[in-house]
Amino acid sequence: MAKQPKQNKTAAGTDVNHVKQQNQQAAQGQSQYGAEFGQQTDAQQVKQQNQKSQAKKK
């Protein structure tokens, strides 16, 4: 017989409550990851770099 996973864990061992907490934080814009990098990114500079990269490929 296969073991039944604990109520707060998936079959793969993922902590359901932790994932729900992360999703809630992300929905509120308080995610621990990504926000700090997004604030440091200059969108115009990235667009220019992408254009240069595309031009080099041609």
C-alpha atoms as a PDB file:
ATOM      1  CA  MET A   1       0.000   0.000   0.000  1.00  0.00           C
ATOM      2  CA  ALA A   2       1.106   3.536  -0.724  1.00  0.00           C
ATOM      3  CA  LYS A   3       1.567   5.915   2.169  1.00  0.00           C
ATOM      4  CA  GLN A   4      -0.972   8.691   2.432  1.00  0.00           C
ATOM      5  CA  PRO A   5       0.707  12.118   2.357  1.00  0.00           C
ATOM      6  CA  LYS A   6       0.283  14.340   5.390  1.00  0.00           C
ATOM      7  CA  GLN A   7      -2.567  16.811   5.125  1.00  0.00           C
ATOM      8  CA  ASN A   8      -0.282  19.848   4.798  1.00  0.00           C
ATOM      9  CA  LYS A   9       2.141  18.246   2.340  1.00  0.00           C
ATOM     10  CA  THR A  10       1.741  17.215  -1.280  1.00  0.00           C
ATOM     11  CA  ALA A  11       2.836  13.800  -2.540  1.00  0.00           C
ATOM     12  CA  ALA A  12       6.108  15.460  -3.604  1.00  0.00           C
ATOM     13  CA  GLY A  13       6.660  16.799  -0.092  1.00  0.00           C
ATOM     14  CA  THR A  14       5.781  20.434  -0.772  1.00  0.00           C
ATOM     15  CA  ASP A  15       4.512  22.356   2.256  1.00  0.00           C
ATOM     16  CA  VAL A  16       1.078  23.544   1.164  1.00  0.00           C
ATOM     17  CA  ASN A  17       0.849  26.243   3.819  1.00  0.00           C
ATOM     18  CA  HIS A  18       4.202  27.694   2.786  1.00  0.00           C
ATOM     19  CA  VAL A  19       3.128  27.873  -0.862  1.00  0.00           C
ATOM     20  CA  LYS A  20      -0.158  29.526   0.082  1.00  0.00           C
ATOM     21  CA  GLN A  21       1.744  32.102   2.120  1.00  0.00           C
ATOM     22  CA  GLN A  22       4.100  32.825  -0.783  1.00  0.00           C
ATOM     23  CA  ASN A  23       1.174  33.187  -3.182  1.00  0.00           C
ATOM     24  CA  GLN A  24      -0.572  35.578  -0.825  1.00  0.00           C
ATOM     25  CA  GLN A  25       2.557  37.703  -0.470  1.00  0.00           C
ATOM     26  CA  ALA A  26       3.042  37.767  -4.233  1.00  0.00           C
ATOM     27  CA  ALA A  27      -0.557  38.870  -4.743  1.00  0.00           C
ATOM     28  CA  GLN A  28       0.040  41.729  -2.321  1.00  0.00           C
ATOM     29  CA  GLY A  29       3.297  42.717  -3.995  1.00  0.00           C
ATOM     30  CA  GLN A  30       5.320  41.800  -0.927  1.00  0.00           C
ATOM     31  CA  SER A  31       7.190  38.907  -2.432  1.00  0.00           C
ATOM     32  CA  GLN A  32      10.589  38.291  -0.913  1.00  0.00           C
ATOM     33  CA  TYR A  33      12.095  37.605  -4.327  1.00  0.00           C
ATOM     34  CA  GLY A  34      11.992  39.633  -7.503  1.00  0.00           C
ATOM     35  CA  ALA A  35      10.789  42.976  -6.196  1.00  0.00           C
ATOM     36  CA  GLU A  36      14.239  44.090  -5.133  1.00  0.00           C
ATOM     37  CA  PHE A  37      15.622  43.291  -8.568  1.00  0.00           C
ATOM     38  CA  GLY A  38      12.733  44.904 -10.388  1.00  0.00           C
ATOM     39  CA  GLN A  39      13.363  48.201  -8.661  1.00  0.00           C
ATOM     40  CA  GLN A  40      16.969  48.220  -9.843  1.00  0.00           C
ATOM     41  CA  THR A  41      16.164  47.446 -13.473  1.00  0.00           C
ATOM     42  CA  ASP A  42      16.186  50.272 -15.993  1.00  0.00           C
ATOM     43  CA  ALA A  43      13.556  49.176 -18.521  1.00  0.00           C
ATOM     44  CA  GLN A  44      14.763  51.588 -21.202  1.00  0.00           C
ATOM     45  CA  GLN A  45      18.315  50.296 -20.937  1.00  0.00           C
ATOM     46  CA  VAL A  46      17.124  46.693 -21.191  1.00  0.00           C
ATOM     47  CA  LYS A  47      15.111  47.533 -24.320  1.00  0.00           C
ATOM     48  CA  GLN A  48      18.174  49.141 -25.912  1.00  0.00           C
ATOM     49  CA  GLN A  49      20.346  46.147 -25.084  1.00  0.00           C
ATOM     50  CA  ASN A  50      17.733  43.813 -26.560  1.00  0.00           C
ATOM     51  CA  GLN A  51      17.597  45.865 -29.760  1.00  0.00           C
ATOM     52  CA  LYS A  52      21.406  45.743 -30.080  1.00  0.00           C
ATOM     53  CA  SER A  53      21.388  42.014 -29.499  1.00  0.00           C
ATOM     54  CA  GLN A  54      18.715  41.460 -32.159  1.00  0.00           C
ATOM     55  CA  ALA A  55      20.629  43.630 -34.628  1.00  0.00           C
ATOM     56  CA  LYS A  56      23.779  41.542 -34.120  1.00  0.00           C
ATOM     57  CA  LYS A  57      21.872  38.339 -34.869  1.00  0.00           C
ATOM     58  CA  LYS A  58      20.852  39.561 -38.328  1.00  0.00           C
END
